[in-house]
ModelCIF file with pLDDT and N, C-alpha, C, O atoms, coordinates in Angstrom:
data_MODEL
#
_entry.id   MODEL 
#
_entity.id                         1 
_entity.type                       polymer 
_entity.pdbx_number_of_molecules   1 
#
_entity_poly.entity_id                      1 
_entity_poly.type                           'polypeptide(L)' 
_entity_poly.nstd_linkage                   no 
_entity_poly.nstd_monomer                   no 
_entity_poly.pdbx_seq_one_letter_code       ADHAGPSALALDPAAEDEAINAAVKVMAAYTDTGKTKEEWFRALAPLI 
_entity_poly.pdbx_seq_one_letter_code_can   ADHAGPSALALDPAAEDEAINAAVKVMAAYTDTGKTKEEWFRALAPLI 
_entity_poly.pdbx_strand_id                 A 
#
loop_
_entity_poly_seq.entity_id 
_entity_poly_seq.num 
_entity_poly_seq.mon_id 
_entity_poly_seq.hetero 
1 1  ALA n 
1 2  ASP n 
1 3  HIS n 
1 4  ALA n 
1 5  GLY n 
1 6  PRO n 
1 7  SER n 
1 8  ALA n 
1 9  LEU n 
1 10 ALA n 
1 11 LEU n 
1 12 ASP n 
1 13 PRO n 
1 14 ALA n 
1 15 ALA n 
1 16 GLU n 
1 17 ASP n 
1 18 GLU n 
1 19 ALA n 
1 20 ILE n 
1 21 ASN n 
1 22 ALA n 
1 23 ALA n 
1 24 VAL n 
1 25 LYS n 
1 26 VAL n 
1 27 MET n 
1 28 ALA n 
1 29 ALA n 
1 30 TYR n 
1 31 THR n 
1 32 ASP n 
1 33 THR n 
1 34 GLY n 
1 35 LYS n 
1 36 THR n 
1 37 LYS n 
1 38 GLU n 
1 39 GLU n 
1 40 TRP n 
1 41 PHE n 
1 42 ARG n 
1 43 ALA n 
1 44 LEU n 
1 45 ALA n 
1 46 PRO n 
1 47 LEU n 
1 48 ILE n 
#
_struct_asym.id          A 
_struct_asym.entity_id   1 
#
loop_
_ma_qa_metric.id 
_ma_qa_metric.mode 
_ma_qa_metric.name 
_ma_qa_metric.software_group_id 
_ma_qa_metric.type 
1 global pLDDT . pLDDT 
2 local  pLDDT . pLDDT 
#
_ma_qa_metric_global.metric_id      1 
_ma_qa_metric_global.metric_value   89.10 
_ma_qa_metric_global.model_id       1 
_ma_qa_metric_global.ordinal_id     1 
#
loop_
_ma_qa_metric_local.label_asym_id 
_ma_qa_metric_local.label_comp_id 
_ma_qa_metric_local.label_seq_id 
_ma_qa_metric_local.metric_id 
_ma_qa_metric_local.metric_value 
_ma_qa_metric_local.model_id 
_ma_qa_metric_local.ordinal_id 
A ALA 1  2 57.00 1 1  
A ASP 2  2 59.00 1 2  
A HIS 3  2 55.00 1 3  
A ALA 4  2 60.00 1 4  
A GLY 5  2 59.00 1 5  
A PRO 6  2 60.00 1 6  
A SER 7  2 66.00 1 7  
A ALA 8  2 75.00 1 8  
A LEU 9  2 82.00 1 9  
A ALA 10 2 80.00 1 10 
A LEU 11 2 84.00 1 11 
A ASP 12 2 87.00 1 12 
A PRO 13 2 91.00 1 13 
A ALA 14 2 91.00 1 14 
A ALA 15 2 91.00 1 15 
A GLU 16 2 93.00 1 16 
A ASP 17 2 95.00 1 17 
A GLU 18 2 95.00 1 18 
A ALA 19 2 96.00 1 19 
A ILE 20 2 97.00 1 20 
A ASN 21 2 97.00 1 21 
A ALA 22 2 98.00 1 22 
A ALA 23 2 98.00 1 23 
A VAL 24 2 98.00 1 24 
A LYS 25 2 98.00 1 25 
A VAL 26 2 98.00 1 26 
A MET 27 2 97.00 1 27 
A ALA 28 2 97.00 1 28 
A ALA 29 2 97.00 1 29 
A TYR 30 2 97.00 1 30 
A THR 31 2 97.00 1 31 
A ASP 32 2 96.00 1 32 
A THR 33 2 94.00 1 33 
A GLY 34 2 93.00 1 34 
A LYS 35 2 94.00 1 35 
A THR 36 2 94.00 1 36 
A LYS 37 2 95.00 1 37 
A GLU 38 2 96.00 1 38 
A GLU 39 2 96.00 1 39 
A TRP 40 2 97.00 1 40 
A PHE 41 2 97.00 1 41 
A ARG 42 2 97.00 1 42 
A ALA 43 2 97.00 1 43 
A LEU 44 2 97.00 1 44 
A ALA 45 2 97.00 1 45 
A PRO 46 2 97.00 1 46 
A LEU 47 2 98.00 1 47 
A ILE 48 2 97.00 1 48 
#
loop_
_atom_site.group_PDB 
_atom_site.id 
_atom_site.type_symbol 
_atom_site.label_atom_id 
_atom_site.label_alt_id 
_atom_site.label_comp_id 
_atom_site.label_asym_id 
_atom_site.label_entity_id 
_atom_site.label_seq_id 
_atom_site.pdbx_PDB_ins_code 
_atom_site.Cartn_x 
_atom_site.Cartn_y 
_atom_site.Cartn_z 
_atom_site.occupancy 
_atom_site.B_iso_or_equiv 
_atom_site.pdbx_formal_charge 
_atom_site.auth_seq_id 
_atom_site.auth_comp_id 
_atom_site.auth_asym_id 
_atom_site.auth_atom_id 
_atom_site.pdbx_PDB_model_num 
ATOM 1   N N  . ALA A 1 1  ? 81.022 -0.525 28.279 1.00 57.00 ? 1  ALA A N  1 
ATOM 2   C CA . ALA A 1 1  ? 80.387 -1.571 29.067 1.00 57.00 ? 1  ALA A CA 1 
ATOM 3   C C  . ALA A 1 1  ? 80.035 -1.130 30.489 1.00 57.00 ? 1  ALA A C  1 
ATOM 4   O O  . ALA A 1 1  ? 79.119 -1.686 31.094 1.00 57.00 ? 1  ALA A O  1 
ATOM 5   N N  . ASP A 1 2  ? 80.738 -0.155 31.019 1.00 59.00 ? 2  ASP A N  1 
ATOM 6   C CA . ASP A 1 2  ? 80.469 0.275  32.387 1.00 59.00 ? 2  ASP A CA 1 
ATOM 7   C C  . ASP A 1 2  ? 79.324 1.282  32.481 1.00 59.00 ? 2  ASP A C  1 
ATOM 8   O O  . ASP A 1 2  ? 78.911 1.649  33.580 1.00 59.00 ? 2  ASP A O  1 
ATOM 9   N N  . HIS A 1 3  ? 78.812 1.728  31.339 1.00 55.00 ? 3  HIS A N  1 
ATOM 10  C CA . HIS A 1 3  ? 77.732 2.715  31.346 1.00 55.00 ? 3  HIS A CA 1 
ATOM 11  C C  . HIS A 1 3  ? 76.442 2.066  31.834 1.00 55.00 ? 3  HIS A C  1 
ATOM 12  O O  . HIS A 1 3  ? 76.008 1.054  31.285 1.00 55.00 ? 3  HIS A O  1 
ATOM 13  N N  . ALA A 1 4  ? 75.837 2.639  32.850 1.00 60.00 ? 4  ALA A N  1 
ATOM 14  C CA . ALA A 1 4  ? 74.622 2.074  33.443 1.00 60.00 ? 4  ALA A CA 1 
ATOM 15  C C  . ALA A 1 4  ? 73.377 2.883  33.111 1.00 60.00 ? 4  ALA A C  1 
ATOM 16  O O  . ALA A 1 4  ? 72.316 2.631  33.682 1.00 60.00 ? 4  ALA A O  1 
ATOM 17  N N  . GLY A 1 5  ? 73.479 3.854  32.198 1.00 59.00 ? 5  GLY A N  1 
ATOM 18  C CA . GLY A 1 5  ? 72.325 4.677  31.863 1.00 59.00 ? 5  GLY A CA 1 
ATOM 19  C C  . GLY A 1 5  ? 72.308 5.927  32.714 1.00 59.00 ? 5  GLY A C  1 
ATOM 20  O O  . GLY A 1 5  ? 73.248 6.179  33.468 1.00 59.00 ? 5  GLY A O  1 
ATOM 21  N N  . PRO A 1 6  ? 71.250 6.714  32.602 1.00 60.00 ? 6  PRO A N  1 
ATOM 22  C CA . PRO A 1 6  ? 71.198 7.954  33.379 1.00 60.00 ? 6  PRO A CA 1 
ATOM 23  C C  . PRO A 1 6  ? 71.112 7.669  34.875 1.00 60.00 ? 6  PRO A C  1 
ATOM 24  O O  . PRO A 1 6  ? 70.520 6.684  35.313 1.00 60.00 ? 6  PRO A O  1 
ATOM 25  N N  . SER A 1 7  ? 71.716 8.555  35.630 1.00 66.00 ? 7  SER A N  1 
ATOM 26  C CA . SER A 1 7  ? 71.689 8.367  37.077 1.00 66.00 ? 7  SER A CA 1 
ATOM 27  C C  . SER A 1 7  ? 70.271 8.589  37.601 1.00 66.00 ? 7  SER A C  1 
ATOM 28  O O  . SER A 1 7  ? 69.461 9.285  36.988 1.00 66.00 ? 7  SER A O  1 
ATOM 29  N N  . ALA A 1 8  ? 70.000 7.983  38.740 1.00 75.00 ? 8  ALA A N  1 
ATOM 30  C CA . ALA A 1 8  ? 68.681 8.133  39.365 1.00 75.00 ? 8  ALA A CA 1 
ATOM 31  C C  . ALA A 1 8  ? 68.481 9.595  39.743 1.00 75.00 ? 8  ALA A C  1 
ATOM 32  O O  . ALA A 1 8  ? 69.420 10.300 40.111 1.00 75.00 ? 8  ALA A O  1 
ATOM 33  N N  . LEU A 1 9  ? 67.252 10.018 39.643 1.00 82.00 ? 9  LEU A N  1 
ATOM 34  C CA . LEU A 1 9  ? 66.934 11.408 39.936 1.00 82.00 ? 9  LEU A CA 1 
ATOM 35  C C  . LEU A 1 9  ? 65.646 11.436 40.741 1.00 82.00 ? 9  LEU A C  1 
ATOM 36  O O  . LEU A 1 9  ? 64.616 10.924 40.302 1.00 82.00 ? 9  LEU A O  1 
ATOM 37  N N  . ALA A 1 10 ? 65.710 12.027 41.905 1.00 80.00 ? 10 ALA A N  1 
ATOM 38  C CA . ALA A 1 10 ? 64.530 12.103 42.771 1.00 80.00 ? 10 ALA A CA 1 
ATOM 39  C C  . ALA A 1 10 ? 63.554 13.142 42.221 1.00 80.00 ? 10 ALA A C  1 
ATOM 40  O O  . ALA A 1 10 ? 63.951 14.147 41.632 1.00 80.00 ? 10 ALA A O  1 
ATOM 41  N N  . LEU A 1 11 ? 62.291 12.874 42.428 1.00 84.00 ? 11 LEU A N  1 
ATOM 42  C CA . LEU A 1 11 ? 61.250 13.816 42.006 1.00 84.00 ? 11 LEU A CA 1 
ATOM 43  C C  . LEU A 1 11 ? 60.759 14.547 43.246 1.00 84.00 ? 11 LEU A C  1 
ATOM 44  O O  . LEU A 1 11 ? 59.912 14.043 43.984 1.00 84.00 ? 11 LEU A O  1 
ATOM 45  N N  . ASP A 1 12 ? 61.296 15.734 43.465 1.00 87.00 ? 12 ASP A N  1 
ATOM 46  C CA . ASP A 1 12 ? 60.872 16.527 44.613 1.00 87.00 ? 12 ASP A CA 1 
ATOM 47  C C  . ASP A 1 12 ? 59.676 17.387 44.219 1.00 87.00 ? 12 ASP A C  1 
ATOM 48  O O  . ASP A 1 12 ? 59.399 17.544 43.030 1.00 87.00 ? 12 ASP A O  1 
ATOM 49  N N  . PRO A 1 13 ? 58.964 17.945 45.195 1.00 91.00 ? 13 PRO A N  1 
ATOM 50  C CA . PRO A 1 13 ? 57.771 18.752 44.889 1.00 91.00 ? 13 PRO A CA 1 
ATOM 51  C C  . PRO A 1 13 ? 58.052 19.937 43.966 1.00 91.00 ? 13 PRO A C  1 
ATOM 52  O O  . PRO A 1 13 ? 57.215 20.277 43.130 1.00 91.00 ? 13 PRO A O  1 
ATOM 53  N N  . ALA A 1 14 ? 59.207 20.563 44.105 1.00 91.00 ? 14 ALA A N  1 
ATOM 54  C CA . ALA A 1 14 ? 59.534 21.712 43.242 1.00 91.00 ? 14 ALA A CA 1 
ATOM 55  C C  . ALA A 1 14 ? 59.683 21.265 41.789 1.00 91.00 ? 14 ALA A C  1 
ATOM 56  O O  . ALA A 1 14 ? 59.210 21.947 40.879 1.00 91.00 ? 14 ALA A O  1 
ATOM 57  N N  . ALA A 1 15 ? 60.335 20.126 41.567 1.00 91.00 ? 15 ALA A N  1 
ATOM 58  C CA . ALA A 1 15 ? 60.504 19.604 40.210 1.00 91.00 ? 15 ALA A CA 1 
ATOM 59  C C  . ALA A 1 15 ? 59.159 19.193 39.621 1.00 91.00 ? 15 ALA A C  1 
ATOM 60  O O  . ALA A 1 15 ? 58.909 19.383 38.431 1.00 91.00 ? 15 ALA A O  1 
ATOM 61  N N  . GLU A 1 16 ? 58.303 18.632 40.455 1.00 93.00 ? 16 GLU A N  1 
ATOM 62  C CA . GLU A 1 16 ? 56.968 18.244 40.001 1.00 93.00 ? 16 GLU A CA 1 
ATOM 63  C C  . GLU A 1 16 ? 56.171 19.480 39.568 1.00 93.00 ? 16 GLU A C  1 
ATOM 64  O O  . GLU A 1 16 ? 55.485 19.450 38.546 1.00 93.00 ? 16 GLU A O  1 
ATOM 65  N N  . ASP A 1 17 ? 56.263 20.564 40.344 1.00 95.00 ? 17 ASP A N  1 
ATOM 66  C CA . ASP A 1 17 ? 55.580 21.818 39.986 1.00 95.00 ? 17 ASP A CA 1 
ATOM 67  C C  . ASP A 1 17 ? 56.126 22.372 38.669 1.00 95.00 ? 17 ASP A C  1 
ATOM 68  O O  . ASP A 1 17 ? 55.364 22.858 37.833 1.00 95.00 ? 17 ASP A O  1 
ATOM 69  N N  . GLU A 1 18 ? 57.453 22.298 38.488 1.00 95.00 ? 18 GLU A N  1 
ATOM 70  C CA . GLU A 1 18 ? 58.057 22.761 37.236 1.00 95.00 ? 18 GLU A CA 1 
ATOM 71  C C  . GLU A 1 18 ? 57.534 21.952 36.054 1.00 95.00 ? 18 GLU A C  1 
ATOM 72  O O  . GLU A 1 18 ? 57.251 22.510 34.994 1.00 95.00 ? 18 GLU A O  1 
ATOM 73  N N  . ALA A 1 19 ? 57.404 20.636 36.235 1.00 96.00 ? 19 ALA A N  1 
ATOM 74  C CA . ALA A 1 19 ? 56.892 19.770 35.167 1.00 96.00 ? 19 ALA A CA 1 
ATOM 75  C C  . ALA A 1 19 ? 55.450 20.132 34.823 1.00 96.00 ? 19 ALA A C  1 
ATOM 76  O O  . ALA A 1 19 ? 55.083 20.191 33.650 1.00 96.00 ? 19 ALA A O  1 
ATOM 77  N N  . ILE A 1 20 ? 54.640 20.371 35.845 1.00 97.00 ? 20 ILE A N  1 
ATOM 78  C CA . ILE A 1 20 ? 53.236 20.739 35.613 1.00 97.00 ? 20 ILE A CA 1 
ATOM 79  C C  . ILE A 1 20 ? 53.160 22.068 34.876 1.00 97.00 ? 20 ILE A C  1 
ATOM 80  O O  . ILE A 1 20 ? 52.399 22.198 33.916 1.00 97.00 ? 20 ILE A O  1 
ATOM 81  N N  . ASN A 1 21 ? 53.936 23.057 35.309 1.00 97.00 ? 21 ASN A N  1 
ATOM 82  C CA . ASN A 1 21 ? 53.923 24.371 34.661 1.00 97.00 ? 21 ASN A CA 1 
ATOM 83  C C  . ASN A 1 21 ? 54.358 24.275 33.199 1.00 97.00 ? 21 ASN A C  1 
ATOM 84  O O  . ASN A 1 21 ? 53.787 24.941 32.335 1.00 97.00 ? 21 ASN A O  1 
ATOM 85  N N  . ALA A 1 22 ? 55.363 23.451 32.924 1.00 98.00 ? 22 ALA A N  1 
ATOM 86  C CA . ALA A 1 22 ? 55.808 23.264 31.544 1.00 98.00 ? 22 ALA A CA 1 
ATOM 87  C C  . ALA A 1 22 ? 54.727 22.560 30.728 1.00 98.00 ? 22 ALA A C  1 
ATOM 88  O O  . ALA A 1 22 ? 54.518 22.889 29.561 1.00 98.00 ? 22 ALA A O  1 
ATOM 89  N N  . ALA A 1 23 ? 54.034 21.588 31.338 1.00 98.00 ? 23 ALA A N  1 
ATOM 90  C CA . ALA A 1 23 ? 52.970 20.864 30.647 1.00 98.00 ? 23 ALA A CA 1 
ATOM 91  C C  . ALA A 1 23 ? 51.794 21.783 30.325 1.00 98.00 ? 23 ALA A C  1 
ATOM 92  O O  . ALA A 1 23 ? 51.147 21.621 29.290 1.00 98.00 ? 23 ALA A O  1 
ATOM 93  N N  . VAL A 1 24 ? 51.514 22.741 31.198 1.00 98.00 ? 24 VAL A N  1 
ATOM 94  C CA . VAL A 1 24 ? 50.441 23.715 30.939 1.00 98.00 ? 24 VAL A CA 1 
ATOM 95  C C  . VAL A 1 24 ? 50.764 24.496 29.664 1.00 98.00 ? 24 VAL A C  1 
ATOM 96  O O  . VAL A 1 24 ? 49.883 24.720 28.834 1.00 98.00 ? 24 VAL A O  1 
ATOM 97  N N  . LYS A 1 25 ? 52.012 24.907 29.510 1.00 98.00 ? 25 LYS A N  1 
ATOM 98  C CA . LYS A 1 25 ? 52.427 25.636 28.306 1.00 98.00 ? 25 LYS A CA 1 
ATOM 99  C C  . LYS A 1 25 ? 52.304 24.755 27.066 1.00 98.00 ? 25 LYS A C  1 
ATOM 100 O O  . LYS A 1 25 ? 51.881 25.215 26.006 1.00 98.00 ? 25 LYS A O  1 
ATOM 101 N N  . VAL A 1 26 ? 52.675 23.489 27.209 1.00 98.00 ? 26 VAL A N  1 
ATOM 102 C CA . VAL A 1 26 ? 52.574 22.548 26.083 1.00 98.00 ? 26 VAL A CA 1 
ATOM 103 C C  . VAL A 1 26 ? 51.120 22.404 25.656 1.00 98.00 ? 26 VAL A C  1 
ATOM 104 O O  . VAL A 1 26 ? 50.807 22.493 24.468 1.00 98.00 ? 26 VAL A O  1 
ATOM 105 N N  . MET A 1 27 ? 50.225 22.181 26.626 1.00 97.00 ? 27 MET A N  1 
ATOM 106 C CA . MET A 1 27 ? 48.806 22.003 26.282 1.00 97.00 ? 27 MET A CA 1 
ATOM 107 C C  . MET A 1 27 ? 48.209 23.270 25.684 1.00 97.00 ? 27 MET A C  1 
ATOM 108 O O  . MET A 1 27 ? 47.362 23.187 24.794 1.00 97.00 ? 27 MET A O  1 
ATOM 109 N N  . ALA A 1 28 ? 48.632 24.437 26.151 1.00 97.00 ? 28 ALA A N  1 
ATOM 110 C CA . ALA A 1 28 ? 48.134 25.694 25.582 1.00 97.00 ? 28 ALA A CA 1 
ATOM 111 C C  . ALA A 1 28 ? 48.537 25.796 24.113 1.00 97.00 ? 28 ALA A C  1 
ATOM 112 O O  . ALA A 1 28 ? 47.727 26.183 23.270 1.00 97.00 ? 28 ALA A O  1 
ATOM 113 N N  . ALA A 1 29 ? 49.774 25.453 23.809 1.00 97.00 ? 29 ALA A N  1 
ATOM 114 C CA . ALA A 1 29 ? 50.240 25.507 22.420 1.00 97.00 ? 29 ALA A CA 1 
ATOM 115 C C  . ALA A 1 29 ? 49.596 24.404 21.580 1.00 97.00 ? 29 ALA A C  1 
ATOM 116 O O  . ALA A 1 29 ? 49.225 24.630 20.429 1.00 97.00 ? 29 ALA A O  1 
ATOM 117 N N  . TYR A 1 30 ? 49.467 23.211 22.164 1.00 97.00 ? 30 TYR A N  1 
ATOM 118 C CA . TYR A 1 30 ? 48.919 22.058 21.442 1.00 97.00 ? 30 TYR A CA 1 
ATOM 119 C C  . TYR A 1 30 ? 47.454 22.271 21.055 1.00 97.00 ? 30 TYR A C  1 
ATOM 120 O O  . TYR A 1 30 ? 47.036 21.908 19.956 1.00 97.00 ? 30 TYR A O  1 
ATOM 121 N N  . THR A 1 31 ? 46.688 22.855 21.957 1.00 97.00 ? 31 THR A N  1 
ATOM 122 C CA . THR A 1 31 ? 45.250 23.030 21.703 1.00 97.00 ? 31 THR A CA 1 
ATOM 123 C C  . THR A 1 31 ? 44.930 24.327 20.966 1.00 97.00 ? 31 THR A C  1 
ATOM 124 O O  . THR A 1 31 ? 43.762 24.615 20.706 1.00 97.00 ? 31 THR A O  1 
ATOM 125 N N  . ASP A 1 32 ? 45.935 25.102 20.630 1.00 96.00 ? 32 ASP A N  1 
ATOM 126 C CA . ASP A 1 32 ? 45.723 26.351 19.888 1.00 96.00 ? 32 ASP A CA 1 
ATOM 127 C C  . ASP A 1 32 ? 45.626 26.020 18.394 1.00 96.00 ? 32 ASP A C  1 
ATOM 128 O O  . ASP A 1 32 ? 46.522 26.332 17.610 1.00 96.00 ? 32 ASP A O  1 
ATOM 129 N N  . THR A 1 33 ? 44.525 25.388 18.032 1.00 94.00 ? 33 THR A N  1 
ATOM 130 C CA . THR A 1 33 ? 44.360 24.851 16.676 1.00 94.00 ? 33 THR A CA 1 
ATOM 131 C C  . THR A 1 33 ? 43.873 25.870 15.664 1.00 94.00 ? 33 THR A C  1 
ATOM 132 O O  . THR A 1 33 ? 43.672 25.521 14.500 1.00 94.00 ? 33 THR A O  1 
ATOM 133 N N  . GLY A 1 34 ? 43.676 27.114 16.063 1.00 93.00 ? 34 GLY A N  1 
ATOM 134 C CA . GLY A 1 34 ? 43.235 28.150 15.143 1.00 93.00 ? 34 GLY A CA 1 
ATOM 135 C C  . GLY A 1 34 ? 44.373 28.729 14.307 1.00 93.00 ? 34 GLY A C  1 
ATOM 136 O O  . GLY A 1 34 ? 44.135 29.534 13.407 1.00 93.00 ? 34 GLY A O  1 
ATOM 137 N N  . LYS A 1 35 ? 45.600 28.327 14.600 1.00 94.00 ? 35 LYS A N  1 
ATOM 138 C CA . LYS A 1 35 ? 46.761 28.829 13.865 1.00 94.00 ? 35 LYS A CA 1 
ATOM 139 C C  . LYS A 1 35 ? 47.007 27.976 12.623 1.00 94.00 ? 35 LYS A C  1 
ATOM 140 O O  . LYS A 1 35 ? 46.468 26.878 12.481 1.00 94.00 ? 35 LYS A O  1 
ATOM 141 N N  . THR A 1 36 ? 47.835 28.513 11.733 1.00 94.00 ? 36 THR A N  1 
ATOM 142 C CA . THR A 1 36 ? 48.260 27.693 10.596 1.00 94.00 ? 36 THR A CA 1 
ATOM 143 C C  . THR A 1 36 ? 49.160 26.585 11.131 1.00 94.00 ? 36 THR A C  1 
ATOM 144 O O  . THR A 1 36 ? 49.661 26.676 12.251 1.00 94.00 ? 36 THR A O  1 
ATOM 145 N N  . LYS A 1 37 ? 49.362 25.558 10.347 1.00 95.00 ? 37 LYS A N  1 
ATOM 146 C CA . LYS A 1 37 ? 50.194 24.433 10.767 1.00 95.00 ? 37 LYS A CA 1 
ATOM 147 C C  . LYS A 1 37 ? 51.599 24.921 11.145 1.00 95.00 ? 37 LYS A C  1 
ATOM 148 O O  . LYS A 1 37 ? 52.165 24.469 12.140 1.00 95.00 ? 37 LYS A O  1 
ATOM 149 N N  . GLU A 1 38 ? 52.155 25.832 10.359 1.00 96.00 ? 38 GLU A N  1 
ATOM 150 C CA . GLU A 1 38 ? 53.511 26.332 10.608 1.00 96.00 ? 38 GLU A CA 1 
ATOM 151 C C  . GLU A 1 38 ? 53.560 27.154 11.897 1.00 96.00 ? 38 GLU A C  1 
ATOM 152 O O  . GLU A 1 38 ? 54.492 27.002 12.687 1.00 96.00 ? 38 GLU A O  1 
ATOM 153 N N  . GLU A 1 39 ? 52.577 28.016 12.120 1.00 96.00 ? 39 GLU A N  1 
ATOM 154 C CA . GLU A 1 39 ? 52.529 28.821 13.346 1.00 96.00 ? 39 GLU A CA 1 
ATOM 155 C C  . GLU A 1 39 ? 52.336 27.926 14.569 1.00 96.00 ? 39 GLU A C  1 
ATOM 156 O O  . GLU A 1 39 ? 52.971 28.127 15.604 1.00 96.00 ? 39 GLU A O  1 
ATOM 157 N N  . TRP A 1 40 ? 51.454 26.938 14.434 1.00 97.00 ? 40 TRP A N  1 
ATOM 158 C CA . TRP A 1 40 ? 51.183 26.001 15.524 1.00 97.00 ? 40 TRP A CA 1 
ATOM 159 C C  . TRP A 1 40 ? 52.455 25.255 15.905 1.00 97.00 ? 40 TRP A C  1 
ATOM 160 O O  . TRP A 1 40 ? 52.790 25.159 17.085 1.00 97.00 ? 40 TRP A O  1 
ATOM 161 N N  . PHE A 1 41 ? 53.163 24.727 14.910 1.00 97.00 ? 41 PHE A N  1 
ATOM 162 C CA . PHE A 1 41 ? 54.378 23.969 15.185 1.00 97.00 ? 41 PHE A CA 1 
ATOM 163 C C  . PHE A 1 41 ? 55.477 24.872 15.733 1.00 97.00 ? 41 PHE A C  1 
ATOM 164 O O  . PHE A 1 41 ? 56.226 24.450 16.615 1.00 97.00 ? 41 PHE A O  1 
ATOM 165 N N  . ARG A 1 42 ? 55.594 26.081 15.244 1.00 97.00 ? 42 ARG A N  1 
ATOM 166 C CA . ARG A 1 42 ? 56.598 27.026 15.723 1.00 97.00 ? 42 ARG A CA 1 
ATOM 167 C C  . ARG A 1 42 ? 56.386 27.342 17.203 1.00 97.00 ? 42 ARG A C  1 
ATOM 168 O O  . ARG A 1 42 ? 57.356 27.516 17.941 1.00 97.00 ? 42 ARG A O  1 
ATOM 169 N N  . ALA A 1 43 ? 55.140 27.417 17.640 1.00 97.00 ? 43 ALA A N  1 
ATOM 170 C CA . ALA A 1 43 ? 54.844 27.676 19.061 1.00 97.00 ? 43 ALA A CA 1 
ATOM 171 C C  . ALA A 1 43 ? 55.121 26.446 19.921 1.00 97.00 ? 43 ALA A C  1 
ATOM 172 O O  . ALA A 1 43 ? 55.556 26.571 21.065 1.00 97.00 ? 43 ALA A O  1 
ATOM 173 N N  . LEU A 1 44 ? 54.869 25.263 19.372 1.00 97.00 ? 44 LEU A N  1 
ATOM 174 C CA . LEU A 1 44 ? 55.030 24.022 20.131 1.00 97.00 ? 44 LEU A CA 1 
ATOM 175 C C  . LEU A 1 44 ? 56.477 23.540 20.190 1.00 97.00 ? 44 LEU A C  1 
ATOM 176 O O  . LEU A 1 44 ? 56.897 23.000 21.213 1.00 97.00 ? 44 LEU A O  1 
ATOM 177 N N  . ALA A 1 45 ? 57.238 23.718 19.131 1.00 97.00 ? 45 ALA A N  1 
ATOM 178 C CA . ALA A 1 45 ? 58.578 23.142 18.997 1.00 97.00 ? 45 ALA A CA 1 
ATOM 179 C C  . ALA A 1 45 ? 59.529 23.416 20.160 1.00 97.00 ? 45 ALA A C  1 
ATOM 180 O O  . ALA A 1 45 ? 60.225 22.488 20.572 1.00 97.00 ? 45 ALA A O  1 
ATOM 181 N N  . PRO A 1 46 ? 59.606 24.617 20.713 1.00 97.00 ? 46 PRO A N  1 
ATOM 182 C CA . PRO A 1 46 ? 60.555 24.832 21.817 1.00 97.00 ? 46 PRO A CA 1 
ATOM 183 C C  . PRO A 1 46 ? 60.168 24.111 23.111 1.00 97.00 ? 46 PRO A C  1 
ATOM 184 O O  . PRO A 1 46 ? 60.971 24.035 24.042 1.00 97.00 ? 46 PRO A O  1 
ATOM 185 N N  . LEU A 1 47 ? 58.956 23.589 23.172 1.00 98.00 ? 47 LEU A N  1 
ATOM 186 C CA . LEU A 1 47 ? 58.452 22.961 24.395 1.00 98.00 ? 47 LEU A CA 1 
ATOM 187 C C  . LEU A 1 47 ? 58.525 21.438 24.358 1.00 98.00 ? 47 LEU A C  1 
ATOM 188 O O  . LEU A 1 47 ? 58.166 20.782 25.336 1.00 98.00 ? 47 LEU A O  1 
ATOM 189 N N  . ILE A 1 48 ? 58.987 20.861 23.235 1.00 97.00 ? 48 ILE A N  1 
ATOM 190 C CA . ILE A 1 48 ? 58.963 19.414 23.065 1.00 97.00 ? 48 ILE A CA 1 
ATOM 191 C C  . ILE A 1 48 ? 60.354 18.877 22.738 1.00 97.00 ? 48 ILE A C  1 
ATOM 192 O O  . ILE A 1 48 ? 60.525 17.671 22.561 1.00 97.00 ? 48 ILE A O  1 
#
């Protein structure tokens, strides 16, 4: 009953840059549609 969920976390510029850089990798893997379904998912899975 005392659990209030995850603690608040500030979004500083460094964390925002890290999020953008990670998202760039996700979009690169996501839009790489020339691969087989298994290869595509194998590249995307560690990023999601």
